[in-house]
C-alpha cells in the first residue's frame, strides 16, 4: 500500500511521521520502503519525482501503539599497531 507520509517532527537525527494503517490487517509485520522525492502526492516509486530509496525495514503493528525500529549497527574497533608491543 503506497502512501505519502505526513511529517510530524524532523531534525538532523530523526524524522517522525504519520501513516495510515487503513487496509492493513492488525496485528502484523510489514516490510516498508521509504523513497525521497520532490512531490507531495506521487505514489509511484518509478516516477521521475523520486530521488532514490532512503530506507528499507520491518514494522510490527499492534493496535494503535507507536513503534519504531532500532538499526543494528556494528562499528569495528579502531586498532592502531605501530609494531612496538
PDB file of N, CA and C in Angstrom:
ATOM      1  N   UNK A   1       0.840  -1.163   0.000  1.00  0.00           N
ATOM      2  CA  UNK A   1       0.000   0.000   0.000  1.00  0.00           C
ATOM      3  C   UNK A   1       0.898   1.243   0.000  1.00  0.00           C
ATOM      4  N   UNK A   2       0.916   1.948  -1.072  1.00  0.00           N
ATOM      5  CA  UNK A   2       1.741   3.151  -1.177  1.00  0.00           C
ATOM      6  C   UNK A   2       0.993   4.343  -0.610  1.00  0.00           C
ATOM      7  N   UNK A   3       1.739   5.227   0.056  1.00  0.00           N
ATOM      8  CA  UNK A   3       1.160   6.460   0.584  1.00  0.00           C
ATOM      9  C   UNK A   3       2.249   7.487   0.819  1.00  0.00           C
ATOM     10  N   UNK A   4       1.847   8.726   0.875  1.00  0.00           N
ATOM     11  CA  UNK A   4       2.757   9.813   1.203  1.00  0.00           C
ATOM     12  C   UNK A   4       2.560  10.101   2.689  1.00  0.00           C
ATOM     13  N   UNK A   5       3.633   9.964   3.462  1.00  0.00           N
ATOM     14  CA  UNK A   5       3.557  10.157   4.912  1.00  0.00           C
ATOM     15  C   UNK A   5       3.452  11.634   5.261  1.00  0.00           C
ATOM     16  N   UNK A   6       2.882  11.908   6.432  1.00  0.00           N
ATOM     17  CA  UNK A   6       2.821  13.260   6.971  1.00  0.00           C
ATOM     18  C   UNK A   6       3.951  13.421   7.976  1.00  0.00           C
ATOM     19  N   UNK A   7       4.860  14.370   7.741  1.00  0.00           N
ATOM     20  CA  UNK A   7       5.974  14.620   8.643  1.00  0.00           C
ATOM     21  C   UNK A   7       5.449  15.355   9.873  1.00  0.00           C
ATOM     22  N   UNK A   8       5.644  14.764  11.056  1.00  0.00           N
ATOM     23  CA  UNK A   8       5.184  15.351  12.311  1.00  0.00           C
ATOM     24  C   UNK A   8       6.285  16.184  12.950  1.00  0.00           C
ATOM     25  N   UNK A   9       7.509  15.668  12.941  1.00  0.00           N
ATOM     26  CA  UNK A   9       8.645  16.346  13.556  1.00  0.00           C
ATOM     27  C   UNK A   9       9.901  15.886  12.825  1.00  0.00           C
ATOM     28  N   UNK A  10      10.830  16.799  12.601  1.00  0.00           N
ATOM     29  CA  UNK A  10      12.046  16.435  11.881  1.00  0.00           C
ATOM     30  C   UNK A  10      13.206  17.295  12.368  1.00  0.00           C
ATOM     31  N   UNK A  11      14.357  16.646  12.579  1.00  0.00           N
ATOM     32  CA  UNK A  11      15.592  17.369  12.867  1.00  0.00           C
ATOM     33  C   UNK A  11      16.740  16.611  12.211  1.00  0.00           C
ATOM     34  N   UNK A  12      17.976  16.907  12.565  1.00  0.00           N
ATOM     35  CA  UNK A  12      19.114  16.264  11.914  1.00  0.00           C
ATOM     36  C   UNK A  12      19.234  14.781  12.257  1.00  0.00           C
ATOM     37  N   UNK A  13      18.651  14.346  13.368  1.00  0.00           N
ATOM     38  CA  UNK A  13      18.823  12.965  13.821  1.00  0.00           C
ATOM     39  C   UNK A  13      17.623  12.067  13.585  1.00  0.00           C
ATOM     40  N   UNK A  14      16.417  12.627  13.552  1.00  0.00           N
ATOM     41  CA  UNK A  14      15.228  11.783  13.499  1.00  0.00           C
ATOM     42  C   UNK A  14      14.114  12.477  12.715  1.00  0.00           C
ATOM     43  N   UNK A  15      13.313  11.668  12.068  1.00  0.00           N
ATOM     44  CA  UNK A  15      12.108  12.160  11.414  1.00  0.00           C
ATOM     45  C   UNK A  15      10.935  11.343  11.938  1.00  0.00           C
ATOM     46  N   UNK A  16       9.946  12.011  12.519  1.00  0.00           N
ATOM     47  CA  UNK A  16       8.737  11.344  12.981  1.00  0.00           C
ATOM     48  C   UNK A  16       7.658  11.591  11.950  1.00  0.00           C
ATOM     49  N   UNK A  17       6.937  10.540  11.577  1.00  0.00           N
ATOM     50  CA  UNK A  17       5.917  10.683  10.562  1.00  0.00           C
ATOM     51  C   UNK A  17       4.687   9.879  10.924  1.00  0.00           C
ATOM     52  N   UNK A  18       3.600  10.208  10.274  1.00  0.00           N
ATOM     53  CA  UNK A  18       2.343   9.511  10.471  1.00  0.00           C
ATOM     54  C   UNK A  18       1.929   8.890   9.150  1.00  0.00           C
ATOM     55  N   UNK A  19       1.533   7.621   9.211  1.00  0.00           N
ATOM     56  CA  UNK A  19       0.996   6.921   8.049  1.00  0.00           C
ATOM     57  C   UNK A  19      -0.317   6.268   8.472  1.00  0.00           C
ATOM     58  N   UNK A  20      -1.132   5.937   7.520  1.00  0.00           N
ATOM     59  CA  UNK A  20      -2.397   5.289   7.825  1.00  0.00           C
ATOM     60  C   UNK A  20      -2.236   3.779   7.818  1.00  0.00           C
ATOM     61  N   UNK A  21      -2.994   3.108   8.662  1.00  0.00           N
ATOM     62  CA  UNK A  21      -2.989   1.643   8.685  1.00  0.00           C
ATOM     63  C   UNK A  21      -4.272   1.088   8.091  1.00  0.00           C
ATOM     64  N   UNK A  22      -5.071   1.958   7.458  1.00  0.00           N
ATOM     65  CA  UNK A  22      -6.297   1.510   6.805  1.00  0.00           C
ATOM     66  C   UNK A  22      -5.926   0.534   5.696  1.00  0.00           C
ATOM     67  N   UNK A  23      -6.562  -0.598   5.680  1.00  0.00           N
ATOM     68  CA  UNK A  23      -6.263  -1.613   4.675  1.00  0.00           C
ATOM     69  C   UNK A  23      -5.274  -2.663   5.138  1.00  0.00           C
ATOM     70  N   UNK A  24      -4.669  -2.478   6.303  1.00  0.00           N
ATOM     71  CA  UNK A  24      -3.732  -3.462   6.849  1.00  0.00           C
ATOM     72  C   UNK A  24      -4.431  -4.334   7.878  1.00  0.00           C
ATOM     73  N   UNK A  25      -4.014  -5.559   7.993  1.00  0.00           N
ATOM     74  CA  UNK A  25      -4.545  -6.464   8.997  1.00  0.00           C
ATOM     75  C   UNK A  25      -3.689  -6.353  10.247  1.00  0.00           C
ATOM     76  N   UNK A  26      -4.306  -5.915  11.354  1.00  0.00           N
ATOM     77  CA  UNK A  26      -3.567  -5.738  12.608  1.00  0.00           C
ATOM     78  C   UNK A  26      -3.885  -6.883  13.549  1.00  0.00           C
ATOM     79  N   UNK A  27      -2.989  -7.369  14.340  1.00  0.00           N
ATOM     80  CA  UNK A  27      -1.568  -7.044  14.305  1.00  0.00           C
ATOM     81  C   UNK A  27      -0.893  -7.706  13.114  1.00  0.00           C
ATOM     82  N   UNK A  28       0.303  -7.247  12.797  1.00  0.00           N
ATOM     83  CA  UNK A  28       1.036  -7.812  11.684  1.00  0.00           C
ATOM     84  C   UNK A  28       2.422  -7.224  11.562  1.00  0.00           C
ATOM     85  N   UNK A  29       3.239  -7.885  10.759  1.00  0.00           N
ATOM     86  CA  UNK A  29       4.597  -7.415  10.481  1.00  0.00           C
ATOM     87  C   UNK A  29       4.665  -7.075   9.008  1.00  0.00           C
ATOM     88  N   UNK A  30       5.095  -5.850   8.726  1.00  0.00           N
ATOM     89  CA  UNK A  30       5.081  -5.345   7.364  1.00  0.00           C
ATOM     90  C   UNK A  30       6.451  -4.823   6.971  1.00  0.00           C
ATOM     91  N   UNK A  31       6.819  -5.068   5.718  1.00  0.00           N
ATOM     92  CA  UNK A  31       8.065  -4.543   5.159  1.00  0.00           C
ATOM     93  C   UNK A  31       7.752  -3.177   4.571  1.00  0.00           C
ATOM     94  N   UNK A  32       8.641  -2.208   4.819  1.00  0.00           N
ATOM     95  CA  UNK A  32       8.404  -0.882   4.257  1.00  0.00           C
ATOM     96  C   UNK A  32       9.620  -0.405   3.479  1.00  0.00           C
ATOM     97  N   UNK A  33       9.372   0.472   2.546  1.00  0.00           N
ATOM     98  CA  UNK A  33      10.408   1.152   1.771  1.00  0.00           C
ATOM     99  C   UNK A  33      10.079   2.636   1.777  1.00  0.00           C
ATOM    100  N   UNK A  34      11.077   3.462   2.066  1.00  0.00           N
ATOM    101  CA  UNK A  34      10.884   4.907   2.085  1.00  0.00           C
ATOM    102  C   UNK A  34      11.701   5.508   0.945  1.00  0.00           C
ATOM    103  N   UNK A  35      11.031   6.287   0.119  1.00  0.00           N
ATOM    104  CA  UNK A  35      11.666   6.929  -1.023  1.00  0.00           C
ATOM    105  C   UNK A  35      11.718   8.436  -0.801  1.00  0.00           C
ATOM    106  N   UNK A  36      12.818   9.052  -1.159  1.00  0.00           N
ATOM    107  CA  UNK A  36      12.906  10.504  -1.181  1.00  0.00           C
ATOM    108  C   UNK A  36      12.390  10.983  -2.520  1.00  0.00           C
ATOM    109  N   UNK A  37      11.612  12.041  -2.492  1.00  0.00           N
ATOM    110  CA  UNK A  37      11.068  12.532  -3.753  1.00  0.00           C
ATOM    111  C   UNK A  37      10.757  14.020  -3.684  1.00  0.00           C
ATOM    112  N   UNK A  38      10.517  14.585  -4.842  1.00  0.00           N
ATOM    113  CA  UNK A  38      10.213  16.013  -4.965  1.00  0.00           C
ATOM    114  C   UNK A  38       8.728  16.234  -5.243  1.00  0.00           C
ATOM    115  N   UNK A  39       7.873  15.385  -4.683  1.00  0.00           N
ATOM    116  CA  UNK A  39       6.438  15.500  -4.891  1.00  0.00           C
ATOM    117  C   UNK A  39       5.718  15.207  -3.580  1.00  0.00           C
ATOM    118  N   UNK A  40       4.631  15.899  -3.338  1.00  0.00           N
ATOM    119  CA  UNK A  40       3.835  15.677  -2.131  1.00  0.00           C
ATOM    120  C   UNK A  40       2.683  14.709  -2.378  1.00  0.00           C
ATOM    121  N   UNK A  41       2.520  14.231  -3.611  1.00  0.00           N
ATOM    122  CA  UNK A  41       1.377  13.371  -3.926  1.00  0.00           C
ATOM    123  C   UNK A  41       1.744  12.111  -4.700  1.00  0.00           C
ATOM    124  N   UNK A  42       2.935  11.990  -5.216  1.00  0.00           N
ATOM    125  CA  UNK A  42       3.320  10.848  -6.042  1.00  0.00           C
ATOM    126  C   UNK A  42       3.346   9.552  -5.235  1.00  0.00           C
ATOM    127  N   UNK A  43       2.752   8.475  -5.765  1.00  0.00           N
ATOM    128  CA  UNK A  43       2.766   7.159  -5.134  1.00  0.00           C
ATOM    129  C   UNK A  43       3.520   6.122  -5.966  1.00  0.00           C
ATOM    130  N   UNK A  44       4.110   6.530  -7.069  1.00  0.00           N
ATOM    131  CA  UNK A  44       4.798   5.625  -7.979  1.00  0.00           C
ATOM    132  C   UNK A  44       6.309   5.702  -7.754  1.00  0.00           C
ATOM    133  N   UNK A  45       6.947   4.614  -7.264  1.00  0.00           N
ATOM    134  CA  UNK A  45       8.386   4.658  -6.997  1.00  0.00           C
ATOM    135  C   UNK A  45       9.260   4.785  -8.253  1.00  0.00           C
ATOM    136  N   UNK A  46       8.684   4.585  -9.435  1.00  0.00           N
ATOM    137  CA  UNK A  46       9.461   4.734 -10.668  1.00  0.00           C
ATOM    138  C   UNK A  46       9.246   6.097 -11.326  1.00  0.00           C
ATOM    139  N   UNK A  47       8.469   6.970 -10.691  1.00  0.00           N
ATOM    140  CA  UNK A  47       8.200   8.303 -11.211  1.00  0.00           C
ATOM    141  C   UNK A  47       9.472   9.142 -11.181  1.00  0.00           C
ATOM    142  N   UNK A  48       9.572  10.106 -12.086  1.00  0.00           N
ATOM    143  CA  UNK A  48      10.751  10.975 -12.168  1.00  0.00           C
ATOM    144  C   UNK A  48      10.921  11.855 -10.931  1.00  0.00           C
ATOM    145  N   UNK A  49       9.868  12.041 -10.133  1.00  0.00           N
ATOM    146  CA  UNK A  49       9.955  12.852  -8.916  1.00  0.00           C
ATOM    147  C   UNK A  49      10.751  12.159  -7.811  1.00  0.00           C
ATOM    148  N   UNK A  50      10.925  10.845  -7.929  1.00  0.00           N
ATOM    149  CA  UNK A  50      11.637  10.081  -6.897  1.00  0.00           C
ATOM    150  C   UNK A  50      13.139  10.296  -7.040  1.00  0.00           C
ATOM    151  N   UNK A  51      13.760  10.687  -5.922  1.00  0.00           N
ATOM    152  CA  UNK A  51      15.198  10.939  -5.904  1.00  0.00           C
ATOM    153  C   UNK A  51      15.959   9.646  -5.636  1.00  0.00           C
ATOM    154  N   UNK A  52      15.398   8.765  -4.815  1.00  0.00           N
ATOM    155  CA  UNK A  52      16.048   7.488  -4.527  1.00  0.00           C
ATOM    156  C   UNK A  52      15.433   6.807  -3.328  1.00  0.00           C
ATOM    157  N   UNK A  53      15.845   5.564  -3.124  1.00  0.00           N
ATOM    158  CA  UNK A  53      15.399   4.767  -1.988  1.00  0.00           C
ATOM    159  C   UNK A  53      16.214   5.160  -0.773  1.00  0.00           C
ATOM    160  N   UNK A  54      15.543   5.557   0.316  1.00  0.00           N
ATOM    161  CA  UNK A  54      16.226   6.036   1.525  1.00  0.00           C
ATOM    162  C   UNK A  54      16.338   4.977   2.606  1.00  0.00           C
ATOM    163  N   UNK A  55      15.330   4.132   2.739  1.00  0.00           N
ATOM    164  CA  UNK A  55      15.310   3.203   3.873  1.00  0.00           C
ATOM    165  C   UNK A  55      14.399   2.033   3.565  1.00  0.00           C
ATOM    166  N   UNK A  56      14.821   0.836   3.997  1.00  0.00           N
ATOM    167  CA  UNK A  56      14.013  -0.375   3.932  1.00  0.00           C
ATOM    168  C   UNK A  56      14.009  -0.981   5.322  1.00  0.00           C
ATOM    169  N   UNK A  57      12.878  -1.467   5.778  1.00  0.00           N
ATOM    170  CA  UNK A  57      12.839  -2.053   7.109  1.00  0.00           C
ATOM    171  C   UNK A  57      11.568  -2.833   7.365  1.00  0.00           C
ATOM    172  N   UNK A  58      11.412  -3.267   8.618  1.00  0.00           N
ATOM    173  CA  UNK A  58      10.238  -4.013   9.064  1.00  0.00           C
ATOM    174  C   UNK A  58       9.509  -3.197  10.108  1.00  0.00           C
ATOM    175  N   UNK A  59       8.191  -3.245  10.087  1.00  0.00           N
ATOM    176  CA  UNK A  59       7.359  -2.534  11.047  1.00  0.00           C
ATOM    177  C   UNK A  59       6.388  -3.529  11.665  1.00  0.00           C
ATOM    178  N   UNK A  60       6.429  -3.661  12.991  1.00  0.00           N
ATOM    179  CA  UNK A  60       5.495  -4.509  13.717  1.00  0.00           C
ATOM    180  C   UNK A  60       4.357  -3.643  14.222  1.00  0.00           C
ATOM    181  N   UNK A  61       3.143  -3.933  13.779  1.00  0.00           N
ATOM    182  CA  UNK A  61       1.980  -3.156  14.188  1.00  0.00           C
ATOM    183  C   UNK A  61       1.116  -3.967  15.134  1.00  0.00           C
ATOM    184  N   UNK A  62       0.715  -3.328  16.235  1.00  0.00           N
ATOM    185  CA  UNK A  62      -0.168  -3.932  17.210  1.00  0.00           C
ATOM    186  C   UNK A  62      -1.080  -2.841  17.725  1.00  0.00           C
ATOM    187  N   UNK A  63      -2.310  -2.800  17.295  1.00  0.00           N
ATOM    188  CA  UNK A  63      -3.312  -1.789  17.638  1.00  0.00           C
ATOM    189  C   UNK A  63      -2.797  -0.389  17.303  1.00  0.00           C
ATOM    190  N   UNK A  64      -2.904   0.577  18.221  1.00  0.00           N
ATOM    191  CA  UNK A  64      -2.524   1.956  17.908  1.00  0.00           C
ATOM    192  C   UNK A  64      -1.243   2.377  18.618  1.00  0.00           C
ATOM    193  N   UNK A  65      -0.416   1.418  19.006  1.00  0.00           N
ATOM    194  CA  UNK A  65       0.827   1.722  19.702  1.00  0.00           C
ATOM    195  C   UNK A  65       1.842   2.319  18.732  1.00  0.00           C
ATOM    196  N   UNK A  66       2.650   3.261  19.218  1.00  0.00           N
ATOM    197  CA  UNK A  66       3.697   3.866  18.396  1.00  0.00           C
ATOM    198  C   UNK A  66       4.907   2.931  18.396  1.00  0.00           C
ATOM    199  N   UNK A  67       5.398   2.577  17.219  1.00  0.00           N
ATOM    200  CA  UNK A  67       6.539   1.685  17.086  1.00  0.00           C
ATOM    201  C   UNK A  67       7.637   2.331  16.260  1.00  0.00           C
ATOM    202  N   UNK A  68       8.838   1.902  16.489  1.00  0.00           N
ATOM    203  CA  UNK A  68       9.967   2.299  15.665  1.00  0.00           C
ATOM    204  C   UNK A  68      10.982   1.167  15.717  1.00  0.00           C
ATOM    205  N   UNK A  69      11.878   1.121  14.764  1.00  0.00           N
ATOM    206  CA  UNK A  69      12.907   0.094  14.774  1.00  0.00           C
ATOM    207  C   UNK A  69      14.253   0.728  15.061  1.00  0.00           C
ATOM    208  N   UNK A  70      15.082  -0.001  15.784  1.00  0.00           N
ATOM    209  CA  UNK A  70      16.426   0.455  16.104  1.00  0.00           C
ATOM    210  C   UNK A  70      17.374  -0.293  15.178  1.00  0.00           C
ATOM    211  N   UNK A  71      18.139   0.418  14.356  1.00  0.00           N
ATOM    212  CA  UNK A  71      19.033  -0.270  13.428  1.00  0.00           C
ATOM    213  C   UNK A  71      20.134  -1.027  14.160  1.00  0.00           C
ATOM    214  N   UNK A  72      20.484  -2.184  13.635  1.00  0.00           N
ATOM    215  CA  UNK A  72      21.562  -2.991  14.195  1.00  0.00           C
ATOM    216  C   UNK A  72      22.857  -2.561  13.502  1.00  0.00           C
ATOM    217  N   UNK A  73      23.607  -1.694  14.162  1.00  0.00           N
ATOM    218  CA  UNK A  73      24.820  -1.133  13.569  1.00  0.00           C
ATOM    219  C   UNK A  73      26.033  -1.704  14.295  1.00  0.00           C
ATOM    220  N   UNK A  74      26.958  -2.262  13.540  1.00  0.00           N
ATOM    221  CA  UNK A  74      28.199  -2.778  14.102  1.00  0.00           C
ATOM    222  C   UNK A  74      29.328  -1.850  13.670  1.00  0.00           C
ATOM    223  N   UNK A  75      30.025  -1.317  14.660  1.00  0.00           N
ATOM    224  CA  UNK A  75      31.164  -0.438  14.376  1.00  0.00           C
ATOM    225  C   UNK A  75      32.415  -1.146  14.861  1.00  0.00           C
ATOM    226  N   UNK A  76      33.318  -1.414  13.953  1.00  0.00           N
ATOM    227  CA  UNK A  76      34.557  -2.107  14.298  1.00  0.00           C
ATOM    228  C   UNK A  76      35.430  -1.238  15.194  1.00  0.00           C
ATOM    229  N   UNK A  77      36.182  -1.890  16.102  1.00  0.00           N
ATOM    230  CA  UNK A  77      37.119  -1.179  16.962  1.00  0.00           C
ATOM    231  C   UNK A  77      38.248  -0.586  16.125  1.00  0.00           C
ATOM    232  N   UNK A  78      38.697   0.600  16.518  1.00  0.00           N
ATOM    233  CA  UNK A  78      39.868   1.192  15.882  1.00  0.00           C
ATOM    234  C   UNK A  78      41.105   0.598  16.544  1.00  0.00           C
ATOM    235  N   UNK A  79      41.934  -0.069  15.765  1.00  0.00           N
ATOM    236  CA  UNK A  79      43.155  -0.684  16.296  1.00  0.00           C
ATOM    237  C   UNK A  79      44.350  -0.033  15.615  1.00  0.00           C
ATOM    238  N   UNK A  80      45.210   0.543  16.440  1.00  0.00           N
ATOM    239  CA  UNK A  80      46.418   1.166  15.911  1.00  0.00           C
ATOM    240  C   UNK A  80      47.604   0.357  16.446  1.00  0.00           C
ATOM    241  N   UNK A  81      48.372  -0.212  15.552  1.00  0.00           N
ATOM    242  CA  UNK A  81      49.517  -1.023  15.934  1.00  0.00           C
ATOM    243  C   UNK A  81      50.731  -0.472  15.219  1.00  0.00           C
ATOM    244  N   UNK A  82      51.700  -0.013  16.007  1.00  0.00           N
ATOM    245  CA  UNK A  82      52.873   0.585  15.387  1.00  0.00           C
ATOM    246  C   UNK A  82      54.093  -0.341  15.409  1.00  0.00           C
ATOM    247  N   UNK A  83      53.887  -1.606  15.761  1.00  0.00           N
ATOM    248  CA  UNK A  83      54.988  -2.572  15.743  1.00  0.00           C
ATOM    249  C   UNK A  83      55.778  -2.663  17.028  1.00  0.00           C
ATOM    250  N   UNK A  84      55.521  -1.817  18.002  1.00  0.00           N
ATOM    251  CA  UNK A  84      56.216  -1.854  19.298  1.00  0.00           C
ATOM    252  C   UNK A  84      55.247  -2.333  20.378  1.00  0.00           C
ATOM    253  N   UNK A  85      55.298  -3.644  20.713  1.00  0.00           N
ATOM    254  CA  UNK A  85      54.331  -4.151  21.690  1.00  0.00           C
ATOM    255  C   UNK A  85      54.515  -3.605  23.075  1.00  0.00           C
TER     256      UNK A  85
END
